[in-house]
Amino acid sequence: MSVAINFNRPLEILLAEDSPTDAQLTREALAACDTKINVHHVSDGIAAMEFLERVAPYQDAPRPDLIFLDLKMPRKDGCEVLQEVKRSEDLKMIPVIVLTTSVAEADITRAFSLAANSYVAKPLDFGQFVEVIKIIEQFWFKVASLPSH
């Protein structure tokens, strides 16, 4: 059943990003959005899966409403995480936005072949990056209907 997000609670976003600078920029861009958002950051693919599967130290982690996933991460890359998420009965309904610097056609094709919900290349300009994040927030949390948990 598809329902709108309950806006009486903050939205939960898992940000899987190995670059501390890009993670901070994403946090700042999300803070500029109208929606109340809790950002949970992990810096590699193994930690992303541990968070999603609520493995220690993430046993109390909330279920994300949306995942921002970088492709080029250590220990387990974003495509491996995407593949595991979309194969999991418990996780496959969480929208995954690939948010990466890569504009390579092979990366875009691979992400969509693994059932990414969208693919967004990070703009280099911070002002443009904030605008892109606001568009994502508007679409996923104000226009689209998401499945209930």
C-alpha atoms as a PDB file:
ATOM      1  CA  MET A   1       0.000   0.000   0.000  1.00  0.00           C
ATOM      2  CA  SER A   2       1.354   3.409  -0.923  1.00  0.00           C
ATOM      3  CA  VAL A   3       0.949   6.248   1.553  1.00  0.00           C
ATOM      4  CA  ALA A   4       2.406   9.694   2.029  1.00  0.00           C
ATOM      5  CA  ILE A   5       5.134  10.096   4.614  1.00  0.00           C
ATOM      6  CA  ASN A   6       3.969  11.149   8.079  1.00  0.00           C
ATOM      7  CA  PHE A   7       5.283  14.700   8.269  1.00  0.00           C
ATOM      8  CA  ASN A   8       4.776  14.796  12.038  1.00  0.00           C
ATOM      9  CA  ARG A   9       8.107  13.067  12.406  1.00  0.00           C
ATOM     10  CA  PRO A  10      11.515  13.824  10.963  1.00  0.00           C
ATOM     11  CA  LEU A  11      12.374  11.873   7.850  1.00  0.00           C
ATOM     12  CA  GLU A  12      15.220   9.412   8.104  1.00  0.00           C
ATOM     13  CA  ILE A  13      17.948   9.414   5.456  1.00  0.00           C
ATOM     14  CA  LEU A  14      20.879   7.047   5.322  1.00  0.00           C
ATOM     15  CA  LEU A  15      23.836   8.762   3.667  1.00  0.00           C
ATOM     16  CA  ALA A  16      26.448   6.236   2.537  1.00  0.00           C
ATOM     17  CA  GLU A  17      29.391   8.417   1.551  1.00  0.00           C
ATOM     18  CA  ASP A  18      33.112   7.873   2.127  1.00  0.00           C
ATOM     19  CA  SER A  19      34.210  11.483   1.548  1.00  0.00           C
ATOM     20  CA  PRO A  20      33.915  13.510   4.777  1.00  0.00           C
ATOM     21  CA  THR A  21      33.732  16.701   2.703  1.00  0.00           C
ATOM     22  CA  ASP A  22      30.926  15.393   0.478  1.00  0.00           C
ATOM     23  CA  ALA A  23      29.077  14.048   3.528  1.00  0.00           C
ATOM     24  CA  GLN A  24      29.276  17.458   5.214  1.00  0.00           C
ATOM     25  CA  LEU A  25      28.113  19.230   2.045  1.00  0.00           C
ATOM     26  CA  THR A  26      25.174  16.837   1.762  1.00  0.00           C
ATOM     27  CA  ARG A  27      24.243  17.424   5.419  1.00  0.00           C
ATOM     28  CA  GLU A  28      24.376  21.193   4.867  1.00  0.00           C
ATOM     29  CA  ALA A  29      22.273  20.924   1.717  1.00  0.00           C
ATOM     30  CA  LEU A  30      19.682  18.777   3.517  1.00  0.00           C
ATOM     31  CA  ALA A  31      19.609  21.271   6.393  1.00  0.00           C
ATOM     32  CA  ALA A  32      18.527  23.917   3.856  1.00  0.00           C
ATOM     33  CA  CYS A  33      15.404  21.892   2.967  1.00  0.00           C
ATOM     34  CA  ASP A  34      11.959  22.625   4.366  1.00  0.00           C
ATOM     35  CA  THR A  35      11.429  19.080   5.647  1.00  0.00           C
ATOM     36  CA  LYS A  36      12.715  17.951   9.036  1.00  0.00           C
ATOM     37  CA  ILE A  37      15.373  15.367   8.238  1.00  0.00           C
ATOM     38  CA  ASN A  38      17.598  13.150  10.358  1.00  0.00           C
ATOM     39  CA  VAL A  39      20.740  12.199   8.451  1.00  0.00           C
ATOM     40  CA  HIS A  40      22.557   9.014   9.438  1.00  0.00           C
ATOM     41  CA  HIS A  41      26.001   8.867   7.873  1.00  0.00           C
ATOM     42  CA  VAL A  42      28.136   5.798   7.223  1.00  0.00           C
ATOM     43  CA  SER A  43      31.423   5.905   5.361  1.00  0.00           C
ATOM     44  CA  ASP A  44      31.544   2.535   3.603  1.00  0.00           C
ATOM     45  CA  GLY A  45      29.349  -0.151   2.129  1.00  0.00           C
ATOM     46  CA  ILE A  46      29.763  -2.656   4.940  1.00  0.00           C
ATOM     47  CA  ALA A  47      28.644  -0.065   7.493  1.00  0.00           C
ATOM     48  CA  ALA A  48      25.692   0.805   5.236  1.00  0.00           C
ATOM     49  CA  MET A  49      24.496  -2.801   5.268  1.00  0.00           C
ATOM     50  CA  GLU A  50      25.091  -3.107   9.018  1.00  0.00           C
ATOM     51  CA  PHE A  51      22.963   0.027   9.526  1.00  0.00           C
ATOM     52  CA  LEU A  52      20.185  -1.286   7.282  1.00  0.00           C
ATOM     53  CA  GLU A  53      20.233  -4.742   8.878  1.00  0.00           C
ATOM     54  CA  ARG A  54      20.507  -3.210  12.373  1.00  0.00           C
ATOM     55  CA  VAL A  55      23.704  -5.042  13.228  1.00  0.00           C
ATOM     56  CA  ALA A  56      25.760  -3.702  16.170  1.00  0.00           C
ATOM     57  CA  PRO A  57      26.588  -0.905  16.615  1.00  0.00           C
ATOM     58  CA  TYR A  58      23.432   0.042  14.658  1.00  0.00           C
ATOM     59  CA  GLN A  59      20.941  -2.225  16.442  1.00  0.00           C
ATOM     60  CA  ASP A  60      18.756   0.798  17.303  1.00  0.00           C
ATOM     61  CA  ALA A  61      18.973   2.408  13.862  1.00  0.00           C
ATOM     62  CA  PRO A  62      15.736   3.678  12.348  1.00  0.00           C
ATOM     63  CA  ARG A  63      14.573   2.340   9.015  1.00  0.00           C
ATOM     64  CA  PRO A  64      15.502   4.983   6.440  1.00  0.00           C
ATOM     65  CA  ASP A  65      12.837   6.613   4.314  1.00  0.00           C
ATOM     66  CA  LEU A  66      15.480   7.173   1.643  1.00  0.00           C
ATOM     67  CA  ILE A  67      19.071   6.116   0.977  1.00  0.00           C
ATOM     68  CA  PHE A  68      21.664   8.389  -0.615  1.00  0.00           C
ATOM     69  CA  LEU A  69      24.330   6.057  -1.955  1.00  0.00           C
ATOM     70  CA  ASP A  70      27.765   6.918  -3.294  1.00  0.00           C
ATOM     71  CA  LEU A  71      29.181   4.425  -5.775  1.00  0.00           C
ATOM     72  CA  LYS A  72      32.899   4.597  -5.010  1.00  0.00           C
ATOM     73  CA  MET A  73      33.228   3.471  -1.391  1.00  0.00           C
ATOM     74  CA  PRO A  74      35.769   1.285   0.401  1.00  0.00           C
ATOM     75  CA  ARG A  75      35.203  -2.266   1.676  1.00  0.00           C
ATOM     76  CA  LYS A  76      31.974  -2.665  -0.343  1.00  0.00           C
ATOM     77  CA  ASP A  77      31.127  -0.351  -3.214  1.00  0.00           C
ATOM     78  CA  GLY A  78      27.778   1.299  -3.805  1.00  0.00           C
ATOM     79  CA  CYS A  79      26.709  -1.139  -6.524  1.00  0.00           C
ATOM     80  CA  GLU A  80      27.244  -4.066  -4.159  1.00  0.00           C
ATOM     81  CA  VAL A  81      25.155  -2.299  -1.504  1.00  0.00           C
ATOM     82  CA  LEU A  82      22.456  -1.473  -4.049  1.00  0.00           C
ATOM     83  CA  GLN A  83      22.328  -5.091  -5.185  1.00  0.00           C
ATOM     84  CA  GLU A  84      21.971  -6.354  -1.596  1.00  0.00           C
ATOM     85  CA  VAL A  85      19.296  -3.792  -0.729  1.00  0.00           C
ATOM     86  CA  LYS A  86      17.186  -4.577  -3.785  1.00  0.00           C
ATOM     87  CA  ARG A  87      17.482  -8.340  -3.234  1.00  0.00           C
ATOM     88  CA  SER A  88      16.333  -8.070   0.381  1.00  0.00           C
ATOM     89  CA  GLU A  89      12.617  -8.546   1.050  1.00  0.00           C
ATOM     90  CA  ASP A  90      12.956  -6.277   4.089  1.00  0.00           C
ATOM     91  CA  LEU A  91      14.848  -3.463   2.358  1.00  0.00           C
ATOM     92  CA  LYS A  92      13.961  -3.449  -1.334  1.00  0.00           C
ATOM     93  CA  MET A  93      11.131  -0.938  -0.976  1.00  0.00           C
ATOM     94  CA  ILE A  94      13.429   1.793   0.386  1.00  0.00           C
ATOM     95  CA  PRO A  95      14.154   4.231  -2.449  1.00  0.00           C
ATOM     96  CA  VAL A  96      17.861   4.409  -3.288  1.00  0.00           C
ATOM     97  CA  ILE A  97      19.208   7.573  -4.856  1.00  0.00           C
ATOM     98  CA  VAL A  98      22.676   7.103  -6.276  1.00  0.00           C
ATOM     99  CA  LEU A  99      24.383  10.404  -5.437  1.00  0.00           C
ATOM    100  CA  THR A 100      27.855  10.388  -6.909  1.00  0.00           C
ATOM    101  CA  THR A 101      30.443  12.369  -8.821  1.00  0.00           C
ATOM    102  CA  SER A 102      30.538   9.825 -11.643  1.00  0.00           C
ATOM    103  CA  VAL A 103      28.853  10.708 -14.915  1.00  0.00           C
ATOM    104  CA  ALA A 104      30.191   7.591 -16.642  1.00  0.00           C
ATOM    105  CA  GLU A 105      27.543   5.910 -18.779  1.00  0.00           C
ATOM    106  CA  ALA A 106      28.677   2.496 -17.501  1.00  0.00           C
ATOM    107  CA  ASP A 107      28.032   3.563 -13.880  1.00  0.00           C
ATOM    108  CA  ILE A 108      24.609   4.975 -14.733  1.00  0.00           C
ATOM    109  CA  THR A 109      23.623   1.851 -16.652  1.00  0.00           C
ATOM    110  CA  ARG A 110      24.886  -0.463 -13.912  1.00  0.00           C
ATOM    111  CA  ALA A 111      23.054   1.458 -11.169  1.00  0.00           C
ATOM    112  CA  PHE A 112      19.748   1.301 -13.039  1.00  0.00           C
ATOM    113  CA  SER A 113      20.265  -2.351 -13.915  1.00  0.00           C
ATOM    114  CA  LEU A 114      20.532  -2.976 -10.159  1.00  0.00           C
ATOM    115  CA  ALA A 115      17.205  -1.139  -9.607  1.00  0.00           C
ATOM    116  CA  ALA A 116      18.411   2.271  -8.395  1.00  0.00           C
ATOM    117  CA  ASN A 117      15.424   4.570  -8.052  1.00  0.00           C
ATOM    118  CA  SER A 118      17.388   7.479  -9.481  1.00  0.00           C
ATOM    119  CA  TYR A 119      20.917   8.535 -10.342  1.00  0.00           C
ATOM    120  CA  VAL A 120      22.134  12.043  -9.571  1.00  0.00           C
ATOM    121  CA  ALA A 121      25.561  13.408 -10.423  1.00  0.00           C
ATOM    122  CA  LYS A 122      26.739  15.812  -7.720  1.00  0.00           C
ATOM    123  CA  PRO A 123      27.224  19.332  -9.059  1.00  0.00           C
ATOM    124  CA  LEU A 124      30.603  20.828  -8.179  1.00  0.00           C
ATOM    125  CA  ASP A 125      29.085  24.184  -7.215  1.00  0.00           C
ATOM    126  CA  PHE A 126      27.637  24.177  -3.672  1.00  0.00           C
ATOM    127  CA  GLY A 127      24.689  26.414  -4.607  1.00  0.00           C
ATOM    128  CA  GLN A 128      23.746  24.056  -7.432  1.00  0.00           C
ATOM    129  CA  PHE A 129      24.218  21.082  -5.109  1.00  0.00           C
ATOM    130  CA  VAL A 130      21.771  22.603  -2.594  1.00  0.00           C
ATOM    131  CA  GLU A 131      19.244  23.114  -5.392  1.00  0.00           C
ATOM    132  CA  VAL A 132      19.600  19.495  -6.522  1.00  0.00           C
ATOM    133  CA  ILE A 133      19.081  18.248  -2.950  1.00  0.00           C
ATOM    134  CA  LYS A 134      15.995  20.474  -2.578  1.00  0.00           C
ATOM    135  CA  ILE A 135      14.564  19.023  -5.797  1.00  0.00           C
ATOM    136  CA  ILE A 136      15.179  15.498  -4.486  1.00  0.00           C
ATOM    137  CA  GLU A 137      13.524  16.422  -1.170  1.00  0.00           C
ATOM    138  CA  GLN A 138      10.542  17.996  -2.934  1.00  0.00           C
ATOM    139  CA  PHE A 139      10.001  15.019  -5.208  1.00  0.00           C
ATOM    140  CA  TRP A 140      10.558  12.149  -2.770  1.00  0.00           C
ATOM    141  CA  PHE A 141       8.887  13.688   0.281  1.00  0.00           C
ATOM    142  CA  LYS A 142       6.223  15.995  -1.139  1.00  0.00           C
ATOM    143  CA  VAL A 143       5.246  14.628  -4.558  1.00  0.00           C
ATOM    144  CA  ALA A 144       5.909  10.895  -4.621  1.00  0.00           C
ATOM    145  CA  SER A 145       4.036   8.391  -2.489  1.00  0.00           C
ATOM    146  CA  LEU A 146       6.276   6.039  -0.557  1.00  0.00           C
ATOM    147  CA  PRO A 147       5.401   2.616   0.811  1.00  0.00           C
ATOM    148  CA  SER A 148       4.773   2.471   4.541  1.00  0.00           C
ATOM    149  CA  HIS A 149       7.280   0.557   6.635  1.00  0.00           C
END
